[in-house]
Amino acid sequence: MSPLEFLQWTVIGIILDALFSYTFYKSIVLFLVLLPFALLLPFYQRKALCAARKQRLLLEFKEALSILSSFLSAGYSTENAFRAAIPELKQLFQSHAMIVLEFQKIVQGMTLNKPVEDLLSDFAYRSGLDDITNFAEVFIVAKRNGGQLVQILSHSSEIIREKIQVQEEIRTLNANRRYEQKIMNLIPFLIILYMNFSSPGFFLVLYETFLGRVTMTVCLILYLTALYLSERIMNIEI
């Protein structure tokens, strides 16, 4: 995570801590007790940010395969195809895009006489993506045994494109459900906060009695369970 991302999610964690502490318990003590856990939110959020970066890298890699295939079809060698692809990728994305940095690293390695197979394997390992790992393995076998690299690149690009298309279709179908989920997540807070501000004494028994605090704790557990289940249901992997 970048320092800005870490700071952003730390602030969000503190805000969520204050919101839950006030909504369910109206307790400053509980806010202070839960504060260390709120500060752990950036570390928890790293998984989601990592998944987003992987998805973006996969999209960039799909385009890179098409560019490599076009250069190989034009008669470029594998090494020169990687070099020639970098300017095209900079125009298509940005100079600091992940795939541009990775291709630059591969070209720099080839300048030091490192085999392109080893450089591509290292890229695949660090990416953590099965599609790139599978492509690297097939690419290595084809290059060492004189396989048709152009056909392999085209086939791999088509497979990744179809996978991404299915993912986009699923996201489109789930877009309304995700929006409804976000609205439903806010409703309990809106109801409780509205009642607390419009009728301050209406929920007083829930905050000042033992049975009331137990009731709010049960409600909080049910709410967090619903959040977890809804996220699992909406998270469809391909």
Protein backbone atom coordinates (compact mmCIF):
# COMPACT_ATOMS: atom_id res chain seq x y z
CA MET A 1 0.00 0.00 0.00
CA SER A 2 1.13 3.53 -0.69
CA PRO A 3 1.35 5.95 2.28
CA LEU A 4 -1.71 7.80 0.95
CA GLU A 5 -3.75 4.58 0.73
CA PHE A 6 -2.64 3.57 4.21
CA LEU A 7 -3.64 6.98 5.61
CA GLN A 8 -6.96 6.90 3.77
CA TRP A 9 -8.00 3.51 5.17
CA THR A 10 -6.76 4.42 8.64
CA VAL A 11 -9.08 7.45 8.66
CA ILE A 12 -11.93 5.29 7.36
CA GLY A 13 -11.27 2.77 10.14
CA ILE A 14 -11.46 5.50 12.80
CA ILE A 15 -14.71 6.83 11.30
CA LEU A 16 -16.24 3.35 11.26
CA ASP A 17 -15.14 2.81 14.86
CA ALA A 18 -16.87 6.06 15.89
CA LEU A 19 -20.00 5.17 13.90
CA PHE A 20 -20.39 1.69 15.38
CA SER A 21 -19.53 2.84 18.92
CA TYR A 22 -22.08 5.63 18.85
CA THR A 23 -24.84 3.82 16.95
CA PHE A 24 -24.86 0.60 18.96
CA TYR A 25 -23.51 1.66 22.37
CA LYS A 26 -23.10 5.46 22.61
CA SER A 27 -19.85 4.81 24.44
CA ILE A 28 -16.61 6.79 24.19
CA VAL A 29 -14.88 4.10 26.25
CA LEU A 30 -15.80 1.46 23.66
CA PHE A 31 -14.56 3.76 20.91
CA LEU A 32 -11.15 3.97 22.59
CA VAL A 33 -11.10 0.21 23.24
CA LEU A 34 -11.87 -0.60 19.59
CA LEU A 35 -9.50 2.05 18.22
CA PRO A 36 -6.51 -0.34 17.89
CA PHE A 37 -8.71 -2.72 15.87
CA ALA A 38 -9.85 0.16 13.67
CA LEU A 39 -6.22 0.94 12.90
CA LEU A 40 -5.87 -2.61 11.52
CA LEU A 41 -8.36 -1.87 8.71
CA PRO A 42 -5.61 -0.91 6.19
CA PHE A 43 -3.98 -4.31 6.67
CA TYR A 44 -7.33 -6.04 6.15
CA GLN A 45 -8.08 -3.92 3.08
CA ARG A 46 -4.82 -4.93 1.42
CA LYS A 47 -6.48 -8.11 0.14
CA ALA A 48 -9.17 -6.17 -1.72
CA LEU A 49 -6.64 -3.69 -3.12
CA CYS A 50 -4.43 -6.57 -4.22
CA ALA A 51 -7.34 -8.23 -6.02
CA ALA A 52 -8.11 -4.95 -7.83
CA ARG A 53 -4.48 -4.58 -8.91
CA LYS A 54 -4.42 -8.16 -10.19
CA GLN A 55 -7.55 -7.56 -12.23
CA ARG A 56 -6.03 -4.40 -13.71
CA LEU A 57 -2.78 -6.22 -14.48
CA LEU A 58 -4.72 -9.00 -16.22
CA LEU A 59 -6.49 -6.45 -18.44
CA GLU A 60 -3.16 -4.84 -19.32
CA PHE A 61 -1.55 -8.23 -19.96
CA LYS A 62 -4.33 -9.16 -22.37
CA GLU A 63 -3.55 -6.10 -24.49
CA ALA A 64 0.18 -6.78 -24.23
CA LEU A 65 -0.34 -10.26 -25.68
CA SER A 66 -2.13 -8.81 -28.68
CA ILE A 67 0.71 -6.34 -29.27
CA LEU A 68 3.37 -9.06 -28.91
CA SER A 69 1.45 -11.28 -31.32
CA SER A 70 1.31 -8.51 -33.94
CA PHE A 71 5.07 -7.90 -33.74
CA LEU A 72 5.88 -11.60 -33.92
CA SER A 73 3.60 -11.92 -36.93
CA ALA A 74 5.57 -9.08 -38.56
CA GLY A 75 8.77 -11.12 -38.23
CA TYR A 76 10.24 -9.69 -35.04
CA SER A 77 12.24 -11.96 -32.78
CA THR A 78 10.88 -12.61 -29.30
CA GLU A 79 13.40 -10.26 -27.66
CA ASN A 80 12.77 -7.44 -30.15
CA ALA A 81 9.02 -7.93 -29.86
CA PHE A 82 9.19 -7.22 -26.12
CA ARG A 83 11.28 -4.10 -26.79
CA ALA A 84 8.97 -2.82 -29.52
CA ALA A 85 5.87 -3.45 -27.38
CA ILE A 86 6.87 -0.96 -24.67
CA PRO A 87 6.17 2.26 -26.66
CA GLU A 88 2.83 0.81 -27.80
CA LEU A 89 1.89 -0.02 -24.21
CA LYS A 90 2.85 3.48 -23.06
CA GLN A 91 0.48 4.95 -25.63
CA LEU A 92 -2.28 2.52 -24.72
CA PHE A 93 -1.92 2.90 -20.96
CA GLN A 94 0.51 5.15 -19.05
CA SER A 95 4.26 5.16 -18.65
CA HIS A 96 3.93 3.96 -15.04
CA ALA A 97 1.35 1.24 -15.78
CA MET A 98 2.16 -2.13 -14.23
CA ILE A 99 2.55 -3.97 -17.53
CA VAL A 100 4.89 -1.25 -18.85
CA LEU A 101 7.11 -1.52 -15.79
CA GLU A 102 7.15 -5.31 -16.08
CA PHE A 103 8.06 -5.25 -19.77
CA GLN A 104 10.80 -2.72 -19.05
CA LYS A 105 12.15 -5.05 -16.40
CA ILE A 106 12.13 -7.94 -18.88
CA VAL A 107 13.98 -5.85 -21.48
CA GLN A 108 16.54 -4.73 -18.90
CA GLY A 109 17.09 -8.36 -17.96
CA MET A 110 17.60 -9.32 -21.59
CA THR A 111 20.18 -6.53 -21.87
CA LEU A 112 22.09 -8.32 -19.09
CA ASN A 113 21.91 -11.55 -21.14
CA LYS A 114 19.29 -13.17 -18.93
CA PRO A 115 17.04 -15.67 -20.77
CA VAL A 116 13.62 -14.29 -21.59
CA GLU A 117 12.13 -17.53 -20.26
CA ASP A 118 13.54 -16.87 -16.78
CA LEU A 119 12.41 -13.25 -16.84
CA LEU A 120 8.89 -14.22 -17.90
CA SER A 121 8.75 -16.91 -15.21
CA ASP A 122 9.77 -14.35 -12.59
CA PHE A 123 7.05 -11.97 -13.80
CA ALA A 124 4.45 -14.74 -13.69
CA TYR A 125 5.49 -15.76 -10.18
CA ARG A 126 5.30 -12.21 -8.83
CA SER A 127 1.99 -11.47 -10.52
CA GLY A 128 0.17 -14.23 -8.61
CA LEU A 129 -2.17 -14.73 -11.58
CA ASP A 130 -2.87 -18.21 -12.92
CA ASP A 131 -3.44 -16.93 -16.45
CA ILE A 132 0.00 -15.33 -16.64
CA THR A 133 1.62 -18.36 -14.99
CA ASN A 134 0.00 -20.75 -17.46
CA PHE A 135 1.00 -18.54 -20.37
CA ALA A 136 4.61 -18.37 -19.15
CA GLU A 137 4.80 -22.15 -18.88
CA VAL A 138 3.41 -22.69 -22.38
CA PHE A 139 5.62 -19.92 -23.78
CA ILE A 140 8.76 -21.49 -22.28
CA VAL A 141 7.96 -24.94 -23.68
CA ALA A 142 7.10 -23.53 -27.12
CA LYS A 143 10.24 -21.39 -27.34
CA ARG A 144 12.55 -24.17 -26.29
CA ASN A 145 10.94 -26.71 -28.63
CA GLY A 146 10.35 -24.40 -31.58
CA GLY A 147 6.59 -24.03 -31.20
CA GLN A 148 4.37 -21.52 -32.99
CA LEU A 149 4.63 -18.52 -30.67
CA VAL A 150 2.22 -16.39 -32.70
CA GLN A 151 -0.56 -18.96 -32.45
CA ILE A 152 0.16 -19.47 -28.74
CA LEU A 153 -0.02 -15.73 -28.04
CA SER A 154 -3.24 -15.37 -30.03
CA HIS A 155 -4.84 -18.35 -28.30
CA SER A 156 -3.79 -17.18 -24.84
CA SER A 157 -5.07 -13.68 -25.54
CA GLU A 158 -8.42 -15.07 -26.69
CA ILE A 159 -8.81 -17.23 -23.57
CA ILE A 160 -8.03 -14.29 -21.26
CA ARG A 161 -10.37 -12.03 -23.26
CA GLU A 162 -13.23 -14.51 -22.91
CA LYS A 163 -12.59 -14.85 -19.18
CA ILE A 164 -12.61 -11.08 -18.68
CA GLN A 165 -15.79 -10.78 -20.76
CA VAL A 166 -17.56 -13.30 -18.52
CA GLN A 167 -16.37 -11.42 -15.44
CA GLU A 168 -17.69 -8.13 -16.83
CA GLU A 169 -21.05 -9.72 -17.62
CA ILE A 170 -21.31 -11.04 -14.06
CA ARG A 171 -20.46 -7.60 -12.67
CA THR A 172 -23.08 -6.00 -14.88
CA LEU A 173 -25.74 -8.46 -13.76
CA ASN A 174 -24.80 -7.93 -10.11
CA ALA A 175 -24.50 -4.14 -10.32
CA ASN A 176 -28.07 -3.50 -9.17
CA ARG A 177 -27.77 -6.09 -6.41
CA ARG A 178 -24.55 -4.54 -5.15
CA TYR A 179 -26.17 -1.11 -5.12
CA GLU A 180 -29.12 -2.51 -3.17
CA GLN A 181 -26.69 -4.20 -0.80
CA LYS A 182 -24.94 -0.90 -0.05
CA ILE A 183 -28.28 0.79 0.62
CA MET A 184 -29.36 -2.03 2.93
CA ASN A 185 -26.05 -1.78 4.79
CA LEU A 186 -26.79 1.85 5.62
CA ILE A 187 -30.43 1.44 6.64
CA PRO A 188 -29.82 0.21 10.25
CA PHE A 189 -27.54 3.17 10.94
CA LEU A 190 -29.95 5.63 9.36
CA ILE A 191 -32.88 4.33 11.40
CA ILE A 192 -31.03 4.36 14.71
CA LEU A 193 -29.37 7.74 14.11
CA TYR A 194 -32.68 9.26 13.01
CA MET A 195 -34.44 8.03 16.15
CA ASN A 196 -31.58 9.18 18.39
CA PHE A 197 -31.69 12.71 16.98
CA SER A 198 -35.45 13.06 16.54
CA SER A 199 -36.46 11.28 19.77
CA PRO A 200 -33.40 11.22 22.06
CA GLY A 201 -35.08 9.19 24.80
CA PHE A 202 -36.71 6.56 22.59
CA PHE A 203 -33.74 4.17 22.53
CA LEU A 204 -32.38 5.21 25.92
CA VAL A 205 -33.20 1.84 27.49
CA LEU A 206 -30.99 0.13 24.91
CA TYR A 207 -27.94 2.13 25.98
CA GLU A 208 -28.33 2.35 29.76
CA THR A 209 -29.54 -1.10 30.82
CA PHE A 210 -27.76 -4.44 30.79
CA LEU A 211 -30.49 -6.15 28.78
CA GLY A 212 -30.46 -3.26 26.31
CA ARG A 213 -26.71 -3.56 25.74
CA VAL A 214 -27.07 -7.32 25.25
CA THR A 215 -29.80 -6.67 22.69
CA MET A 216 -27.63 -4.18 20.80
CA THR A 217 -24.71 -6.61 20.88
CA VAL A 218 -26.87 -9.33 19.34
CA CYS A 219 -28.05 -6.85 16.69
CA LEU A 220 -24.45 -5.93 15.93
CA ILE A 221 -23.44 -9.57 15.54
CA LEU A 222 -26.39 -10.22 13.22
CA TYR A 223 -25.53 -7.13 11.19
CA LEU A 224 -21.86 -8.13 10.78
CA THR A 225 -22.92 -11.66 9.86
CA ALA A 226 -25.26 -10.29 7.20
CA LEU A 227 -22.42 -8.14 5.82
CA TYR A 228 -20.13 -11.15 5.60
CA LEU A 229 -22.72 -13.39 3.93
CA SER A 230 -23.78 -10.75 1.41
CA GLU A 231 -20.15 -10.16 0.42
CA ARG A 232 -19.55 -13.88 -0.03
CA ILE A 233 -22.70 -14.25 -2.13
CA MET A 234 -21.77 -11.32 -4.40
CA ASN A 235 -18.17 -12.41 -4.81
CA ILE A 236 -18.31 -14.75 -7.82
CA GLU A 237 -14.93 -15.95 -9.05
CA ILE A 238 -14.17 -17.28 -12.51
